Amino acid sequence: MNVLYHAHSGLRYLVLLVAAAALVALAYAVFTGRGMRAGSALAATFAGLLDLQILLGVGLVIGGVFPDAVVGHLIMMVLAAVVTHASSIVGQRSSSERREMGIRLGGIVVALALIVGGIVAIGRGVLGTAPLTGG
């Protein structure tokens, strides 16, 4: 379980990094009308990494490694994934690529707020580390 915990904890940095890159690329696409492909690719990568992060987290819960506030954390993270995927679906159905990028941008902003809330819910800093607990 220690490896799974460290994978879950470490993947957080990649999720946040890709989210930041997606925000920049999507904002650029919305405001300039260019770079749509990069924005879409980064948004999809963010969604995939977030799904992997949730899968690892569920593995930790099933394995019995979890902090006291795991329920709030898990709910916030699943909501972040739902928002991310929903904004992608709604964006794909929009009338223009630029509007699609705007919808995805908004979805990632909301997802990031939920992710930060979920991390804080377990008493950790967004970029800080904490020792393995529970068991």
N, C-alpha and C. Protein backbone atom coordinates (compact mmCIF):
# COMPACT_ATOMS: atom_id res chain seq x y z
N MET A 1 0.81 -1.20 0.00
CA MET A 1 0.00 0.00 0.00
C MET A 1 0.85 1.26 0.00
N ASN A 2 2.07 1.17 0.54
CA ASN A 2 2.94 2.33 0.59
C ASN A 2 3.25 2.85 -0.81
N VAL A 3 3.47 1.95 -1.77
CA VAL A 3 3.74 2.35 -3.15
C VAL A 3 2.52 3.03 -3.74
N LEU A 4 1.35 2.47 -3.49
CA LEU A 4 0.11 3.06 -4.00
C LEU A 4 -0.11 4.45 -3.41
N TYR A 5 0.16 4.60 -2.12
CA TYR A 5 0.03 5.90 -1.46
C TYR A 5 0.96 6.93 -2.11
N HIS A 6 2.21 6.56 -2.31
CA HIS A 6 3.17 7.49 -2.90
C HIS A 6 2.83 7.80 -4.36
N ALA A 7 2.33 6.83 -5.08
CA ALA A 7 1.89 7.07 -6.46
C ALA A 7 0.74 8.07 -6.48
N HIS A 8 -0.23 7.86 -5.59
CA HIS A 8 -1.38 8.75 -5.50
C HIS A 8 -0.95 10.16 -5.09
N SER A 9 -0.10 10.23 -4.10
CA SER A 9 0.36 11.53 -3.61
C SER A 9 1.22 12.25 -4.66
N GLY A 10 2.09 11.52 -5.32
CA GLY A 10 2.97 12.13 -6.32
C GLY A 10 2.25 12.53 -7.60
N LEU A 11 1.26 11.74 -7.99
CA LEU A 11 0.51 12.05 -9.20
C LEU A 11 -0.21 13.40 -9.08
N ARG A 12 -0.48 13.81 -7.86
CA ARG A 12 -1.14 15.09 -7.62
C ARG A 12 -0.39 16.23 -8.31
N TYR A 13 0.94 16.18 -8.25
CA TYR A 13 1.73 17.25 -8.86
C TYR A 13 1.58 17.27 -10.38
N LEU A 14 1.53 16.10 -10.99
CA LEU A 14 1.34 16.03 -12.43
C LEU A 14 -0.06 16.51 -12.82
N VAL A 15 -1.06 16.13 -12.03
CA VAL A 15 -2.43 16.59 -12.28
C VAL A 15 -2.48 18.12 -12.22
N LEU A 16 -1.86 18.70 -11.20
CA LEU A 16 -1.88 20.16 -11.06
C LEU A 16 -1.08 20.84 -12.17
N LEU A 17 0.04 20.26 -12.56
CA LEU A 17 0.86 20.82 -13.63
C LEU A 17 0.10 20.81 -14.96
N VAL A 18 -0.52 19.69 -15.28
CA VAL A 18 -1.27 19.60 -16.53
C VAL A 18 -2.49 20.52 -16.48
N ALA A 19 -3.11 20.65 -15.33
CA ALA A 19 -4.24 21.57 -15.19
C ALA A 19 -3.80 23.00 -15.48
N ALA A 20 -2.65 23.39 -14.93
CA ALA A 20 -2.14 24.75 -15.17
C ALA A 20 -1.83 24.95 -16.65
N ALA A 21 -1.21 23.96 -17.28
CA ALA A 21 -0.91 24.06 -18.71
C ALA A 21 -2.20 24.13 -19.53
N ALA A 22 -3.20 23.34 -19.14
CA ALA A 22 -4.49 23.37 -19.84
C ALA A 22 -5.16 24.73 -19.68
N LEU A 23 -5.08 25.30 -18.49
CA LEU A 23 -5.67 26.63 -18.28
C LEU A 23 -5.03 27.66 -19.20
N VAL A 24 -3.72 27.64 -19.30
CA VAL A 24 -3.01 28.59 -20.16
C VAL A 24 -3.40 28.36 -21.62
N ALA A 25 -3.36 27.11 -22.06
CA ALA A 25 -3.66 26.79 -23.46
C ALA A 25 -5.12 27.11 -23.80
N LEU A 26 -6.03 26.80 -22.91
CA LEU A 26 -7.44 27.07 -23.18
C LEU A 26 -7.73 28.57 -23.17
N ALA A 27 -7.13 29.29 -22.24
CA ALA A 27 -7.31 30.75 -22.20
C ALA A 27 -6.77 31.36 -23.48
N TYR A 28 -5.60 30.90 -23.93
CA TYR A 28 -5.03 31.38 -25.18
C TYR A 28 -5.98 31.10 -26.34
N ALA A 29 -6.54 29.90 -26.39
CA ALA A 29 -7.46 29.53 -27.46
C ALA A 29 -8.72 30.39 -27.43
N VAL A 30 -9.23 30.66 -26.25
CA VAL A 30 -10.45 31.46 -26.13
C VAL A 30 -10.20 32.90 -26.57
N PHE A 31 -9.10 33.47 -26.12
CA PHE A 31 -8.86 34.89 -26.37
C PHE A 31 -8.26 35.19 -27.74
N THR A 32 -7.59 34.22 -28.37
CA THR A 32 -6.99 34.47 -29.68
C THR A 32 -7.69 33.72 -30.81
N GLY A 33 -8.42 32.68 -30.47
CA GLY A 33 -9.05 31.87 -31.50
C GLY A 33 -8.08 30.88 -32.14
N ARG A 34 -6.88 30.76 -31.59
CA ARG A 34 -5.86 29.84 -32.12
C ARG A 34 -5.46 28.86 -31.01
N GLY A 35 -4.80 27.80 -31.40
CA GLY A 35 -4.31 26.83 -30.43
C GLY A 35 -5.39 25.91 -29.88
N MET A 36 -6.42 25.69 -30.67
CA MET A 36 -7.53 24.85 -30.21
C MET A 36 -7.10 23.41 -29.96
N ARG A 37 -6.24 22.88 -30.83
CA ARG A 37 -5.83 21.48 -30.71
C ARG A 37 -5.04 21.25 -29.41
N ALA A 38 -4.13 22.17 -29.10
CA ALA A 38 -3.34 22.04 -27.87
C ALA A 38 -4.23 22.13 -26.64
N GLY A 39 -5.18 23.05 -26.67
CA GLY A 39 -6.11 23.20 -25.54
C GLY A 39 -6.94 21.95 -25.33
N SER A 40 -7.44 21.40 -26.41
CA SER A 40 -8.23 20.16 -26.31
C SER A 40 -7.39 19.00 -25.80
N ALA A 41 -6.18 18.88 -26.30
CA ALA A 41 -5.30 17.77 -25.89
C ALA A 41 -4.95 17.88 -24.40
N LEU A 42 -4.64 19.07 -23.94
CA LEU A 42 -4.29 19.24 -22.53
C LEU A 42 -5.50 19.03 -21.63
N ALA A 43 -6.68 19.47 -22.07
CA ALA A 43 -7.90 19.25 -21.28
C ALA A 43 -8.19 17.75 -21.17
N ALA A 44 -8.01 17.03 -22.27
CA ALA A 44 -8.24 15.58 -22.25
C ALA A 44 -7.20 14.87 -21.38
N THR A 45 -5.96 15.33 -21.43
CA THR A 45 -4.90 14.75 -20.60
C THR A 45 -5.21 14.98 -19.13
N PHE A 46 -5.66 16.18 -18.80
CA PHE A 46 -6.05 16.49 -17.42
C PHE A 46 -7.15 15.54 -16.96
N ALA A 47 -8.17 15.35 -17.78
CA ALA A 47 -9.27 14.46 -17.42
C ALA A 47 -8.78 13.04 -17.19
N GLY A 48 -7.90 12.56 -18.05
CA GLY A 48 -7.37 11.21 -17.91
C GLY A 48 -6.54 11.05 -16.65
N LEU A 49 -5.69 12.03 -16.36
CA LEU A 49 -4.87 11.97 -15.14
C LEU A 49 -5.74 12.05 -13.89
N LEU A 50 -6.78 12.85 -13.95
CA LEU A 50 -7.70 12.96 -12.81
C LEU A 50 -8.41 11.62 -12.59
N ASP A 51 -8.80 10.96 -13.66
CA ASP A 51 -9.41 9.64 -13.54
C ASP A 51 -8.44 8.63 -12.92
N LEU A 52 -7.20 8.66 -13.35
CA LEU A 52 -6.18 7.77 -12.78
C LEU A 52 -5.97 8.07 -11.30
N GLN A 53 -5.95 9.34 -10.96
CA GLN A 53 -5.78 9.75 -9.56
C GLN A 53 -6.92 9.20 -8.70
N ILE A 54 -8.13 9.28 -9.21
CA ILE A 54 -9.28 8.76 -8.46
C ILE A 54 -9.19 7.25 -8.33
N LEU A 55 -8.79 6.58 -9.38
CA LEU A 55 -8.63 5.12 -9.33
C LEU A 55 -7.61 4.72 -8.26
N LEU A 56 -6.48 5.42 -8.21
CA LEU A 56 -5.48 5.14 -7.17
C LEU A 56 -6.05 5.43 -5.78
N GLY A 57 -6.81 6.51 -5.65
CA GLY A 57 -7.41 6.85 -4.36
C GLY A 57 -8.41 5.80 -3.90
N VAL A 58 -9.21 5.32 -4.82
CA VAL A 58 -10.17 4.26 -4.48
C VAL A 58 -9.42 3.00 -4.05
N GLY A 59 -8.30 2.72 -4.72
CA GLY A 59 -7.47 1.58 -4.32
C GLY A 59 -6.96 1.72 -2.90
N LEU A 60 -6.60 2.95 -2.52
CA LEU A 60 -6.15 3.19 -1.15
C LEU A 60 -7.28 2.96 -0.15
N VAL A 61 -8.46 3.44 -0.49
CA VAL A 61 -9.61 3.26 0.41
C VAL A 61 -9.94 1.78 0.55
N ILE A 62 -9.95 1.06 -0.54
CA ILE A 62 -10.23 -0.38 -0.50
C ILE A 62 -9.15 -1.11 0.30
N GLY A 63 -7.91 -0.65 0.15
CA GLY A 63 -6.80 -1.25 0.88
C GLY A 63 -6.72 -0.86 2.35
N GLY A 64 -7.59 0.05 2.78
CA GLY A 64 -7.64 0.42 4.18
C GLY A 64 -6.71 1.56 4.57
N VAL A 65 -6.08 2.21 3.62
CA VAL A 65 -5.20 3.33 3.92
C VAL A 65 -5.95 4.62 3.63
N PHE A 66 -6.36 5.30 4.69
CA PHE A 66 -7.10 6.54 4.47
C PHE A 66 -7.09 7.39 5.74
N PRO A 67 -7.12 8.71 5.55
CA PRO A 67 -7.22 9.62 6.70
C PRO A 67 -8.66 9.68 7.20
N ASP A 68 -8.86 10.36 8.31
CA ASP A 68 -10.19 10.46 8.91
C ASP A 68 -11.21 11.13 8.00
N ALA A 69 -10.78 12.12 7.24
CA ALA A 69 -11.70 12.90 6.41
C ALA A 69 -11.80 12.39 4.98
N VAL A 70 -11.64 11.09 4.79
CA VAL A 70 -11.60 10.53 3.45
C VAL A 70 -12.91 10.71 2.69
N VAL A 71 -14.02 10.72 3.36
CA VAL A 71 -15.31 10.81 2.67
C VAL A 71 -15.43 12.15 1.96
N GLY A 72 -15.12 13.25 2.66
CA GLY A 72 -15.17 14.57 2.04
C GLY A 72 -14.19 14.69 0.90
N HIS A 73 -13.00 14.15 1.09
CA HIS A 73 -11.97 14.17 0.06
C HIS A 73 -12.44 13.42 -1.19
N LEU A 74 -12.94 12.23 -0.99
CA LEU A 74 -13.39 11.40 -2.10
C LEU A 74 -14.54 12.06 -2.86
N ILE A 75 -15.49 12.63 -2.14
CA ILE A 75 -16.63 13.29 -2.78
C ILE A 75 -16.16 14.48 -3.62
N MET A 76 -15.26 15.28 -3.06
CA MET A 76 -14.78 16.46 -3.79
C MET A 76 -14.03 16.04 -5.05
N MET A 77 -13.23 14.99 -4.97
CA MET A 77 -12.46 14.55 -6.12
C MET A 77 -13.35 13.95 -7.21
N VAL A 78 -14.34 13.18 -6.81
CA VAL A 78 -15.27 12.63 -7.81
C VAL A 78 -16.05 13.76 -8.47
N LEU A 79 -16.47 14.75 -7.69
CA LEU A 79 -17.15 15.91 -8.27
C LEU A 79 -16.24 16.65 -9.26
N ALA A 80 -14.96 16.76 -8.94
CA ALA A 80 -14.01 17.40 -9.86
C ALA A 80 -13.96 16.64 -11.19
N ALA A 81 -13.93 15.33 -11.12
CA ALA A 81 -13.91 14.52 -12.35
C ALA A 81 -15.22 14.67 -13.12
N VAL A 82 -16.33 14.67 -12.42
CA VAL A 82 -17.64 14.84 -13.07
C VAL A 82 -17.70 16.19 -13.79
N VAL A 83 -17.28 17.24 -13.12
CA VAL A 83 -17.28 18.57 -13.73
C VAL A 83 -16.37 18.60 -14.96
N THR A 84 -15.21 17.99 -14.85
CA THR A 84 -14.26 17.97 -15.97
C THR A 84 -14.86 17.26 -17.18
N HIS A 85 -15.42 16.08 -16.95
CA HIS A 85 -16.00 15.33 -18.06
C HIS A 85 -17.26 15.99 -18.60
N ALA A 86 -18.08 16.54 -17.72
CA ALA A 86 -19.31 17.21 -18.16
C ALA A 86 -18.98 18.44 -19.01
N SER A 87 -17.98 19.21 -18.60
CA SER A 87 -17.63 20.39 -19.40
C SER A 87 -17.09 19.98 -20.76
N SER A 88 -16.42 18.86 -20.83
CA SER A 88 -15.93 18.36 -22.12
C SER A 88 -17.10 17.97 -23.02
N ILE A 89 -18.06 17.27 -22.47
CA ILE A 89 -19.22 16.83 -23.25
C ILE A 89 -20.05 18.03 -23.69
N VAL A 90 -20.33 18.94 -22.77
CA VAL A 90 -21.11 20.13 -23.12
C VAL A 90 -20.35 20.97 -24.14
N GLY A 91 -19.04 21.09 -23.95
CA GLY A 91 -18.22 21.86 -24.89
C GLY A 91 -18.26 21.28 -26.29
N GLN A 92 -18.20 19.97 -26.40
CA GLN A 92 -18.23 19.33 -27.72
C GLN A 92 -19.54 19.59 -28.44
N ARG A 93 -20.59 19.82 -27.69
CA ARG A 93 -21.91 20.07 -28.29
C ARG A 93 -22.15 21.56 -28.55
N SER A 94 -21.17 22.39 -28.26
CA SER A 94 -21.36 23.83 -28.43
C SER A 94 -21.28 24.22 -29.91
N SER A 95 -21.65 25.46 -30.17
CA SER A 95 -21.78 25.94 -31.55
C SER A 95 -20.45 26.28 -32.22
N SER A 96 -19.39 26.50 -31.45
CA SER A 96 -18.11 26.84 -32.06
C SER A 96 -16.96 26.28 -31.23
N GLU A 97 -15.79 26.17 -31.87
CA GLU A 97 -14.61 25.68 -31.16
C GLU A 97 -14.22 26.64 -30.03
N ARG A 98 -14.33 27.91 -30.30
CA ARG A 98 -13.94 28.90 -29.30
C ARG A 98 -14.83 28.79 -28.05
N ARG A 99 -16.11 28.60 -28.28
CA ARG A 99 -17.05 28.41 -27.16
C ARG A 99 -16.73 27.11 -26.41
N GLU A 100 -16.39 26.07 -27.16
CA GLU A 100 -16.01 24.80 -26.55
C GLU A 100 -14.82 24.98 -25.61
N MET A 101 -13.82 25.72 -26.08
CA MET A 101 -12.63 25.97 -25.25
C MET A 101 -12.99 26.76 -23.99
N GLY A 102 -13.91 27.70 -24.13
CA GLY A 102 -14.36 28.48 -22.97
C GLY A 102 -15.08 27.61 -21.95
N ILE A 103 -15.90 26.71 -22.42
CA ILE A 103 -16.62 25.81 -21.51
C ILE A 103 -15.64 24.88 -20.81
N ARG A 104 -14.69 24.34 -21.56
CA ARG A 104 -13.68 23.47 -20.94
C ARG A 104 -12.82 24.24 -19.94
N LEU A 105 -12.49 25.48 -20.28
CA LEU A 105 -11.72 26.32 -19.36
C LEU A 105 -12.48 26.50 -18.05
N GLY A 106 -13.75 26.84 -18.15
CA GLY A 106 -14.57 26.98 -16.94
C GLY A 106 -14.65 25.70 -16.14
N GLY A 107 -14.77 24.57 -16.83
CA GLY A 107 -14.83 23.28 -16.15
C GLY A 107 -13.56 22.97 -15.38
N ILE A 108 -12.42 23.30 -15.97
CA ILE A 108 -11.15 23.03 -15.29
C ILE A 108 -10.96 23.97 -14.10
N VAL A 109 -11.41 25.21 -14.23
CA VAL A 109 -11.33 26.14 -13.09
C VAL A 109 -12.16 25.61 -11.92
N VAL A 110 -13.38 25.18 -12.19
CA VAL A 110 -14.24 24.62 -11.14
C VAL A 110 -13.62 23.34 -10.58
N ALA A 111 -13.11 22.48 -11.46
CA ALA A 111 -12.48 21.23 -11.01
C ALA A 111 -11.29 21.51 -10.11
N LEU A 112 -10.48 22.50 -10.46
CA LEU A 112 -9.33 22.84 -9.62
C LEU A 112 -9.76 23.34 -8.25
N ALA A 113 -10.83 24.13 -8.21
CA ALA A 113 -11.35 24.58 -6.91
C ALA A 113 -11.80 23.39 -6.07
N LEU A 114 -12.44 22.42 -6.70
CA LEU A 114 -12.87 21.21 -5.98
C LEU A 114 -11.67 20.38 -5.54
N ILE A 115 -10.65 20.30 -6.38
CA ILE A 115 -9.44 19.55 -6.02
C ILE A 115 -8.76 20.18 -4.82
N VAL A 116 -8.62 21.50 -4.84
CA VAL A 116 -8.01 22.19 -3.70
C VAL A 116 -8.84 21.94 -2.44
N GLY A 117 -10.15 22.05 -2.56
CA GLY A 117 -11.03 21.77 -1.41
C GLY A 117 -10.89 20.35 -0.92
N GLY A 118 -10.75 19.40 -1.84
CA GLY A 118 -10.59 18.00 -1.47
C GLY A 118 -9.28 17.72 -0.76
N ILE A 119 -8.22 18.39 -1.20
CA ILE A 119 -6.92 18.21 -0.55
C ILE A 119 -6.95 18.82 0.85
N VAL A 120 -7.54 20.00 0.95
CA VAL A 120 -7.64 20.67 2.25
C VAL A 120 -8.53 19.86 3.20
N ALA A 121 -9.53 19.15 2.65
CA ALA A 121 -10.45 18.35 3.48
C ALA A 121 -9.74 17.26 4.27
N ILE A 122 -8.59 16.81 3.78
CA ILE A 122 -7.85 15.79 4.52
C ILE A 122 -6.71 16.41 5.33
N GLY A 123 -6.74 17.73 5.44
CA GLY A 123 -5.78 18.40 6.31
C GLY A 123 -4.38 18.53 5.74
N ARG A 124 -4.28 18.57 4.43
CA ARG A 124 -2.96 18.69 3.79
C ARG A 124 -2.90 19.97 2.99
N GLY A 125 -1.69 20.42 2.73
CA GLY A 125 -1.50 21.54 1.83
C GLY A 125 -1.52 21.05 0.40
N VAL A 126 -1.87 21.91 -0.51
CA VAL A 126 -1.97 21.52 -1.91
C VAL A 126 -0.63 21.03 -2.45
N LEU A 127 0.44 21.67 -2.07
CA LEU A 127 1.77 21.27 -2.54
C LEU A 127 2.61 20.62 -1.47
N GLY A 128 2.07 20.48 -0.27
CA GLY A 128 2.82 19.87 0.83
C GLY A 128 2.72 18.37 0.82
N THR A 129 3.51 17.75 1.68
CA THR A 129 3.46 16.29 1.81
C THR A 129 3.14 15.95 3.25
N ALA A 130 2.65 14.76 3.44
CA ALA A 130 2.34 14.27 4.78
C ALA A 130 2.67 12.79 4.84
N PRO A 131 2.99 12.30 6.00
CA PRO A 131 3.32 10.88 6.12
C PRO A 131 2.09 9.99 5.92
N LEU A 132 2.34 8.78 5.53
CA LEU A 132 1.30 7.77 5.38
C LEU A 132 0.63 7.52 6.73
N THR A 133 -0.71 7.58 6.75
CA THR A 133 -1.45 7.36 7.99
C THR A 133 -2.52 6.32 7.75
N GLY A 134 -3.12 5.86 8.82
CA GLY A 134 -4.21 4.90 8.71
C GLY A 134 -3.68 3.49 8.58
N GLY A 135 -4.61 2.58 8.41
CA GLY A 135 -4.13 1.23 8.17
C GLY A 135 -4.88 0.30 8.97
